[in-house]
Amino acid sequence: MNTTSAPDPSRRFRVIDFTRVLAGPWATQILGDQGFDVIKIEAPEGDETRQFQPLMPDGDAAGESVYFACTNRNKRSVVLDLKSSEGRDIARRLVQTADVVVENFRPGVMERLGLGDATLRADNPALVAVAIHAFGDADPAWTGRAGYDLVLQSIGGITNLTADPPRKAGPSIADLASAQVAVQAVLFGLLERARTGLGCRRVISMLDVQHHLLAYFASAWLNTGTAPPPPSNAHPSIAPYNLYRCSDGWLSICCANDPLWEKLRSALDLPADPAWSTIRDRVADRTRLDAAIEARLASDTVAAWDHALGRAGVPCGPALSVASSLAHPLARQLHLGPWTFPAPPLAPIAFRPPPKLGEHTAEVLAELEHHERQLEHRKPSHTSHLL
């Protein structure tokens, strides 16, 4: 990108991706899926997730990590040693061609590498920079602390809502939710740049994201002093809304309003008990209500009740294993080279398999040299002309 002029709308947005592990790479993968040109900068030893188990056992991807693969498709890998002056110089030059930078080092690391926001923005005023940090960058007492997903779920109140004793949510929701917010920050930054011509910097605090996910639990505490109930599959504000045992497994049932409750009551042939007339009544009498529902469901299988209640218009679904869920009739898969992934919620428009370490270093550096030669040729001549 010529940093002295407005961004060229005819080309793809370019992202220089300094991230590693999960939150950052998941964010930049979402951008890559949607056609952004994502250049992943890796140290000579590579993103550490390249070593995470399990590894592919055979075929074209033998020995490669499925963890790395699931979060790094639609990117180009460039190896740079950012501890060397040459590596830092190339990184800085690449950023000059970019629209977006995403990083998830600890606060201060980019500055120590000579790639701090002030430096990069002086080179490229239109740059949209997004940093993902465990605890943000405002409080020196916390900014130097490392924070992995379990740490953030714990401090963020999630583990105490999940189980007693505390237990993490299955997926790494601190990382994955922070990635979604980082994508929002990139897109909002590009929208702002389209209006002003200037870039911006946004810092994502993963702890802020966890507190945001507390949603109605946080609102109830902050506004009424109401503490969350003990960990449960039940919803604190809705009943029936729970996982219920059938004769051979578990079925979720969610009735968020009175008409849905009436459909469930009729389908299960439950009594028209006045104590269950309204949502407020049902929440107050949840224990007796859930026991009545479970007693009825015990008479048949998950599949039978799922079919019967689904036909009756009751929101319900079996508690499936990962394998069973991925075999669901609506499960869509994405095939890229030797890799198979669940299809992303937004249909991808780019289809590049996860890169091997440094696979695109020569390609990207050749593009950089070509770009810089073009800029050099476009410079106006300052030769004096004698009259």
Protein backbone atom coordinates (compact mmCIF):
# COMPACT_ATOMS: atom_id res chain seq x y z
CA MET A 1 0.00 0.00 0.00
CA ASN A 2 1.26 3.47 -0.82
CA THR A 3 1.04 5.05 2.61
CA THR A 4 0.86 8.58 1.21
CA SER A 5 -2.50 7.97 -0.45
CA ALA A 6 -5.87 6.44 0.40
CA PRO A 7 -6.12 2.64 0.45
CA ASP A 8 -6.78 1.00 -2.89
CA PRO A 9 -10.32 -0.48 -2.69
CA SER A 10 -9.68 -2.75 -5.69
CA ARG A 11 -7.36 -5.14 -3.83
CA ARG A 12 -7.75 -7.47 -0.89
CA PHE A 13 -7.16 -6.22 2.61
CA ARG A 14 -3.77 -7.36 3.84
CA VAL A 15 -3.23 -8.55 7.42
CA ILE A 16 0.18 -8.97 9.02
CA ASP A 17 -0.43 -11.60 11.66
CA PHE A 18 2.00 -11.66 14.59
CA THR A 19 -0.24 -13.96 16.64
CA ARG A 20 0.25 -17.47 17.96
CA VAL A 21 -1.57 -20.25 19.84
CA LEU A 22 -5.37 -19.71 19.63
CA ALA A 23 -7.10 -16.35 20.22
CA GLY A 24 -5.11 -14.38 17.65
CA PRO A 25 -4.79 -17.12 15.02
CA TRP A 26 -8.53 -17.88 15.26
CA ALA A 27 -9.30 -14.20 14.61
CA THR A 28 -6.99 -13.94 11.62
CA GLN A 29 -8.29 -17.24 10.25
CA ILE A 30 -11.80 -15.77 10.21
CA LEU A 31 -10.43 -12.85 8.20
CA GLY A 32 -8.56 -15.24 5.91
CA ASP A 33 -11.73 -17.25 5.32
CA GLN A 34 -13.37 -14.07 4.06
CA GLY A 35 -10.62 -13.33 1.57
CA PHE A 36 -8.21 -11.14 3.53
CA ASP A 37 -4.58 -11.71 2.55
CA VAL A 38 -3.24 -12.95 5.89
CA ILE A 39 0.54 -13.18 6.21
CA LYS A 40 1.43 -15.15 9.33
CA ILE A 41 4.80 -14.17 10.77
CA GLU A 42 6.42 -17.12 12.51
CA ALA A 43 9.67 -17.47 14.44
CA PRO A 44 12.16 -19.97 12.99
CA GLU A 45 10.82 -22.61 15.40
CA GLY A 46 7.24 -21.86 14.34
CA ASP A 47 4.02 -21.30 16.23
CA GLU A 48 4.24 -23.61 19.25
CA THR A 49 0.90 -25.19 18.37
CA ARG A 50 2.67 -26.91 15.46
CA GLN A 51 3.91 -29.32 18.15
CA PHE A 52 0.55 -29.84 19.90
CA GLN A 53 -0.92 -33.35 19.86
CA PRO A 54 -2.47 -35.15 18.10
CA LEU A 55 -0.51 -35.19 14.86
CA MET A 56 -1.79 -36.41 11.53
CA PRO A 57 -0.68 -40.06 11.24
CA ASP A 58 -0.19 -40.40 7.49
CA GLY A 59 -0.76 -38.89 4.05
CA ASP A 60 0.27 -35.46 2.78
CA ALA A 61 -0.08 -33.89 6.24
CA ALA A 62 1.69 -36.67 8.21
CA GLY A 63 3.32 -35.33 11.36
CA GLU A 64 1.43 -32.02 11.30
CA SER A 65 -0.64 -30.82 14.25
CA VAL A 66 -4.42 -30.88 13.91
CA TYR A 67 -4.54 -28.08 16.51
CA PHE A 68 -2.41 -25.79 14.35
CA ALA A 69 -4.34 -26.77 11.24
CA CYS A 70 -7.75 -25.95 12.69
CA THR A 71 -6.81 -22.33 13.33
CA ASN A 72 -4.41 -21.37 10.52
CA ARG A 73 -6.03 -22.08 7.16
CA ASN A 74 -6.20 -19.36 4.50
CA LYS A 75 -2.89 -17.82 5.57
CA ARG A 76 0.61 -17.58 4.17
CA SER A 77 3.49 -18.46 6.49
CA VAL A 78 6.61 -16.28 6.51
CA VAL A 79 9.51 -17.11 8.83
CA LEU A 80 11.24 -14.08 10.33
CA ASP A 81 13.60 -13.91 13.28
CA LEU A 82 12.26 -10.82 15.02
CA LYS A 83 15.23 -10.94 17.40
CA SER A 84 17.45 -9.95 14.47
CA SER A 85 17.64 -6.49 12.93
CA GLU A 86 17.09 -7.99 9.46
CA GLY A 87 13.93 -9.80 10.57
CA ARG A 88 12.54 -6.69 12.25
CA ASP A 89 13.33 -4.58 9.18
CA ILE A 90 11.45 -6.97 6.89
CA ALA A 91 8.51 -7.08 9.30
CA ARG A 92 8.34 -3.30 9.37
CA ARG A 93 8.46 -3.12 5.59
CA LEU A 94 5.68 -5.70 5.33
CA VAL A 95 3.53 -3.66 7.71
CA GLN A 96 3.95 -0.69 5.40
CA THR A 97 2.08 -2.70 2.74
CA ALA A 98 -0.70 -3.74 5.09
CA ASP A 99 -4.14 -2.62 6.15
CA VAL A 100 -4.25 -4.52 9.44
CA VAL A 101 -1.84 -5.79 12.09
CA VAL A 102 -2.96 -8.26 14.75
CA GLU A 103 -0.68 -9.30 17.63
CA ASN A 104 -1.07 -11.12 20.93
CA PHE A 105 2.34 -10.73 22.55
CA ARG A 106 2.44 -9.52 26.12
CA PRO A 107 2.15 -5.72 26.39
CA GLY A 108 5.45 -4.02 25.58
CA VAL A 109 6.93 -6.81 23.47
CA MET A 110 6.16 -5.14 20.13
CA GLU A 111 7.74 -1.93 21.41
CA ARG A 112 10.89 -3.79 22.48
CA LEU A 113 11.09 -5.29 19.00
CA GLY A 114 10.93 -1.84 17.44
CA LEU A 115 7.46 -2.62 16.08
CA GLY A 116 5.38 -0.59 18.50
CA ASP A 117 2.20 1.15 17.44
CA ALA A 118 3.76 4.62 17.22
CA THR A 119 6.52 3.34 14.93
CA LEU A 120 4.20 1.36 12.68
CA ARG A 121 1.65 4.18 12.46
CA ALA A 122 4.35 6.69 11.54
CA ASP A 123 5.18 4.41 8.60
CA ASN A 124 1.53 3.70 7.76
CA PRO A 125 -1.04 6.16 9.14
CA ALA A 126 -3.92 4.11 7.67
CA LEU A 127 -2.99 1.01 9.68
CA VAL A 128 -5.67 -0.70 11.78
CA ALA A 129 -3.84 -2.36 14.68
CA VAL A 130 -5.49 -4.81 17.06
CA ALA A 131 -3.75 -6.24 20.13
CA ILE A 132 -5.17 -9.14 22.15
CA HIS A 133 -3.90 -9.16 25.74
CA ALA A 134 -5.01 -11.27 28.69
CA PHE A 135 -5.59 -8.28 30.95
CA GLY A 136 -5.45 -5.33 28.57
CA ASP A 137 -2.63 -2.80 28.83
CA ALA A 138 -3.91 -0.23 31.31
CA ASP A 139 -2.80 -1.60 34.69
CA PRO A 140 0.96 -2.23 35.08
CA ALA A 141 0.25 -4.63 37.96
CA TRP A 142 -1.51 -6.98 35.54
CA THR A 143 -0.20 -6.29 32.06
CA GLY A 144 2.93 -8.36 32.55
CA ARG A 145 1.04 -11.45 33.69
CA ALA A 146 0.46 -14.31 31.30
CA GLY A 147 -3.09 -15.53 30.87
CA TYR A 148 -4.14 -18.75 29.18
CA ASP A 149 -7.73 -19.79 28.57
CA LEU A 150 -8.28 -21.61 31.88
CA VAL A 151 -6.79 -18.68 33.81
CA LEU A 152 -9.15 -16.25 32.07
CA GLN A 153 -12.20 -18.50 32.51
CA SER A 154 -11.33 -18.79 36.21
CA ILE A 155 -10.77 -15.10 36.92
CA GLY A 156 -13.69 -14.23 34.64
CA GLY A 157 -16.22 -16.16 36.74
CA ILE A 158 -16.96 -18.80 34.10
CA THR A 159 -15.60 -21.86 35.93
CA ASN A 160 -17.77 -21.24 39.00
CA LEU A 161 -20.86 -20.99 36.80
CA THR A 162 -20.04 -24.24 35.01
CA ALA A 163 -19.74 -26.69 37.91
CA ASP A 164 -19.09 -27.17 41.62
CA PRO A 165 -16.20 -27.70 42.18
CA PRO A 166 -15.23 -25.21 39.43
CA ARG A 167 -14.78 -26.60 35.94
CA LYS A 168 -13.83 -24.96 32.66
CA ALA A 169 -16.24 -24.82 29.77
CA GLY A 170 -15.29 -27.53 27.27
CA PRO A 171 -14.10 -25.35 24.36
CA SER A 172 -11.54 -22.62 25.03
CA ILE A 173 -14.18 -19.90 25.19
CA ALA A 174 -11.85 -17.23 26.58
CA ASP A 175 -9.69 -17.53 23.48
CA LEU A 176 -12.46 -18.12 20.96
CA ALA A 177 -14.73 -15.33 22.19
CA SER A 178 -11.79 -12.90 22.33
CA ALA A 179 -11.01 -13.83 18.73
CA GLN A 180 -14.54 -12.89 17.66
CA VAL A 181 -14.21 -9.52 19.41
CA ALA A 182 -10.84 -8.96 17.73
CA VAL A 183 -12.48 -9.55 14.33
CA GLN A 184 -15.13 -6.98 15.24
CA ALA A 185 -12.37 -4.53 16.18
CA VAL A 186 -10.70 -5.05 12.79
CA LEU A 187 -13.93 -4.53 10.86
CA PHE A 188 -15.01 -1.49 12.88
CA GLY A 189 -11.51 -0.06 12.45
CA LEU A 190 -11.69 -0.49 8.68
CA LEU A 191 -15.13 1.15 8.62
CA GLU A 192 -13.75 4.10 10.57
CA ARG A 193 -10.78 4.31 8.23
CA ALA A 194 -13.11 4.42 5.24
CA ARG A 195 -14.71 7.49 6.80
CA THR A 196 -11.59 9.33 8.00
CA GLY A 197 -8.72 7.87 5.97
CA LEU A 198 -6.87 7.19 9.22
CA GLY A 199 -6.17 3.97 11.04
CA CYS A 200 -6.54 3.22 14.73
CA ARG A 201 -5.38 0.91 17.51
CA ARG A 202 -7.69 -1.29 19.56
CA VAL A 203 -6.66 -3.37 22.58
CA ILE A 204 -8.79 -6.41 23.43
CA SER A 205 -8.70 -7.42 27.10
CA MET A 206 -9.58 -11.10 27.29
CA LEU A 207 -10.80 -10.56 30.86
CA ASP A 208 -13.20 -7.87 29.58
CA VAL A 209 -14.50 -10.41 27.09
CA GLN A 210 -15.11 -12.96 29.84
CA HIS A 211 -17.01 -10.41 31.91
CA HIS A 212 -19.02 -9.52 28.80
CA LEU A 213 -19.98 -13.20 28.46
CA LEU A 214 -21.43 -13.19 31.97
CA ALA A 215 -24.30 -11.22 30.41
CA TYR A 216 -27.48 -11.61 32.52
CA PHE A 217 -25.51 -13.08 35.44
CA ALA A 218 -23.43 -9.89 35.64
CA SER A 219 -26.45 -7.66 35.09
CA ALA A 220 -28.38 -9.35 37.90
CA TRP A 221 -25.48 -8.92 40.33
CA LEU A 222 -24.56 -5.35 39.38
CA ASN A 223 -28.12 -4.04 39.33
CA THR A 224 -29.95 -6.04 41.99
CA GLY A 225 -27.26 -7.80 44.01
CA THR A 226 -28.71 -11.15 42.95
CA ALA A 227 -26.03 -13.83 42.96
CA PRO A 228 -26.14 -16.63 40.37
CA PRO A 229 -27.79 -19.88 41.45
CA PRO A 230 -25.62 -22.97 41.95
CA PRO A 231 -24.14 -24.35 38.71
CA SER A 232 -26.80 -26.10 36.67
CA ASN A 233 -27.98 -26.73 33.13
CA ALA A 234 -31.12 -24.84 34.12
CA HIS A 235 -31.62 -21.23 33.01
CA PRO A 236 -31.93 -18.78 35.93
CA SER A 237 -34.80 -16.89 34.29
CA ILE A 238 -36.68 -19.54 32.29
CA ALA A 239 -38.39 -22.85 33.06
CA PRO A 240 -38.57 -25.47 31.77
CA TYR A 241 -35.08 -24.97 30.35
CA ASN A 242 -32.79 -27.86 31.21
CA LEU A 243 -31.25 -31.17 30.23
CA TYR A 244 -33.60 -34.03 31.12
CA ARG A 245 -32.86 -37.73 31.43
CA CYS A 246 -34.71 -40.12 29.11
CA SER A 247 -34.49 -43.90 29.27
CA ASP A 248 -31.15 -43.99 27.41
CA GLY A 249 -29.63 -40.52 27.56
CA TRP A 250 -30.23 -36.79 27.87
CA LEU A 251 -32.53 -34.38 26.00
CA SER A 252 -32.47 -30.58 26.20
CA ILE A 253 -35.84 -28.83 26.36
CA CYS A 254 -36.22 -25.05 26.27
CA CYS A 255 -39.58 -23.31 26.67
CA ALA A 256 -38.93 -19.57 26.87
CA ASN A 257 -42.57 -18.49 26.76
CA ASP A 258 -46.06 -19.63 27.70
CA PRO A 259 -47.14 -20.92 24.24
CA LEU A 260 -44.07 -23.18 24.09
CA TRP A 261 -44.80 -24.46 27.57
CA GLU A 262 -48.35 -25.32 26.53
CA LYS A 263 -47.00 -27.30 23.57
CA LEU A 264 -44.69 -29.24 25.88
CA ARG A 265 -47.39 -29.78 28.51
CA SER A 266 -49.77 -31.14 25.89
CA ALA A 267 -47.14 -33.36 24.26
CA LEU A 268 -46.15 -34.85 27.64
CA ASP A 269 -49.75 -34.97 28.90
CA LEU A 270 -48.83 -33.04 32.02
CA PRO A 271 -51.55 -31.52 34.25
CA ALA A 272 -52.64 -27.90 33.83
CA ASP A 273 -51.25 -27.07 37.25
CA PRO A 274 -51.97 -23.44 38.28
CA ALA A 275 -48.49 -23.37 39.84
CA TRP A 276 -47.07 -23.57 36.33
CA SER A 277 -49.27 -20.98 34.62
CA THR A 278 -46.63 -18.31 33.96
CA ILE A 279 -42.88 -18.27 33.43
CA ARG A 280 -42.45 -16.68 36.84
CA ASP A 281 -44.53 -19.44 38.43
CA ARG A 282 -42.57 -22.14 36.65
CA VAL A 283 -39.21 -20.70 37.69
CA ALA A 284 -40.41 -20.56 41.31
CA ASP A 285 -41.58 -24.19 41.14
CA ARG A 286 -38.73 -25.41 38.95
CA THR A 287 -37.75 -28.42 41.09
CA ARG A 288 -41.21 -29.97 41.05
CA LEU A 289 -41.73 -29.09 37.38
CA ASP A 290 -38.43 -30.63 36.26
CA ALA A 291 -39.16 -33.77 38.26
CA ALA A 292 -42.54 -34.14 36.55
CA ILE A 293 -41.01 -33.72 33.11
CA GLU A 294 -38.21 -36.20 33.81
CA ALA A 295 -40.64 -38.77 35.18
CA ARG A 296 -42.57 -38.63 31.91
CA LEU A 297 -39.44 -38.75 29.71
CA ALA A 298 -38.13 -41.83 31.51
CA SER A 299 -40.72 -43.91 29.66
CA ASP A 300 -38.98 -43.70 26.27
CA THR A 301 -35.73 -43.05 24.44
CA VAL A 302 -34.02 -39.78 23.54
CA ALA A 303 -34.69 -40.40 19.84
CA ALA A 304 -38.39 -41.07 20.41
CA TRP A 305 -38.95 -38.01 22.56
CA ASP A 306 -36.83 -35.80 20.29
CA HIS A 307 -39.02 -36.82 17.37
CA ALA A 308 -42.31 -36.41 19.25
CA LEU A 309 -41.49 -33.08 20.86
CA GLY A 310 -39.90 -31.70 17.70
CA ARG A 311 -43.07 -32.48 15.76
CA ALA A 312 -45.07 -30.71 18.48
CA GLY A 313 -43.03 -27.54 18.00
CA VAL A 314 -41.08 -27.81 21.26
CA PRO A 315 -37.43 -26.61 21.10
CA CYS A 316 -35.42 -29.69 22.03
CA GLY A 317 -32.32 -31.66 21.12
CA PRO A 318 -30.27 -34.66 22.23
CA ALA A 319 -26.99 -34.19 24.10
CA LEU A 320 -24.67 -35.52 21.40
CA SER A 321 -21.02 -36.47 21.54
CA VAL A 322 -18.59 -34.57 19.30
CA ALA A 323 -18.54 -37.51 16.88
CA SER A 324 -22.34 -37.75 16.78
CA SER A 325 -22.74 -33.99 16.41
CA LEU A 326 -20.34 -33.89 13.46
CA ALA A 327 -22.43 -36.66 11.87
CA HIS A 328 -25.65 -34.64 12.28
CA PRO A 329 -27.61 -34.20 9.02
CA LEU A 330 -27.00 -30.44 9.18
CA ALA A 331 -23.27 -30.73 9.92
CA ARG A 332 -21.30 -29.20 7.03
CA GLN A 333 -17.64 -29.89 6.37
CA LEU A 334 -14.89 -27.96 4.62
CA HIS A 335 -12.20 -29.88 2.75
CA LEU A 336 -8.86 -28.20 2.06
CA GLY A 337 -6.13 -30.42 0.68
CA PRO A 338 -5.69 -33.30 3.15
CA TRP A 339 -7.61 -31.46 5.87
CA THR A 340 -11.26 -31.58 6.92
CA PHE A 341 -12.87 -28.95 9.16
CA PRO A 342 -16.37 -28.03 10.29
CA ALA A 343 -17.60 -25.44 7.81
CA PRO A 344 -17.46 -21.92 9.35
CA PRO A 345 -20.75 -20.09 10.02
CA LEU A 346 -20.03 -17.64 7.21
CA ALA A 347 -19.31 -19.38 3.92
CA PRO A 348 -15.58 -18.97 3.16
CA ILE A 349 -14.43 -17.27 -0.01
CA ALA A 350 -10.80 -18.38 0.29
CA PHE A 351 -9.64 -22.00 0.19
CA ARG A 352 -5.99 -22.33 1.17
CA PRO A 353 -4.94 -25.26 3.42
CA PRO A 354 -2.93 -24.53 6.57
CA PRO A 355 0.62 -23.56 5.58
CA LYS A 356 3.78 -25.45 6.30
CA LEU A 357 6.31 -23.48 8.33
CA GLY A 358 7.82 -20.77 6.12
CA GLU A 359 6.05 -22.12 3.05
CA HIS A 360 5.46 -18.65 1.60
CA THR A 361 8.53 -16.76 2.78
CA ALA A 362 10.15 -16.49 -0.64
CA GLU A 363 6.84 -15.69 -2.35
CA VAL A 364 5.92 -12.87 0.05
CA LEU A 365 9.42 -11.36 0.07
CA ALA A 366 9.44 -11.35 -3.73
CA GLU A 367 6.13 -9.50 -3.69
CA LEU A 368 7.58 -7.02 -1.21
CA GLU A 369 10.61 -6.34 -3.40
CA HIS A 370 8.35 -5.88 -6.43
CA HIS A 371 6.09 -3.52 -4.49
CA GLU A 372 9.01 -1.41 -3.28
CA ARG A 373 10.49 -1.19 -6.80
CA GLN A 374 7.14 0.04 -8.09
CA LEU A 375 7.01 2.71 -5.39
CA GLU A 376 10.56 3.79 -6.22
CA HIS A 377 9.68 4.19 -9.90
CA ARG A 378 6.64 6.28 -9.00
CA LYS A 379 8.61 8.83 -6.99
CA PRO A 380 8.52 12.27 -8.66
CA SER A 381 11.79 13.52 -10.03
CA HIS A 382 13.35 16.47 -8.19
CA THR A 383 15.94 17.22 -10.92
CA SER A 384 16.34 20.96 -11.52
CA HIS A 385 15.80 22.21 -15.03
CA LEU A 386 17.91 25.18 -16.09
CA LEU A 387 16.14 27.77 -18.19
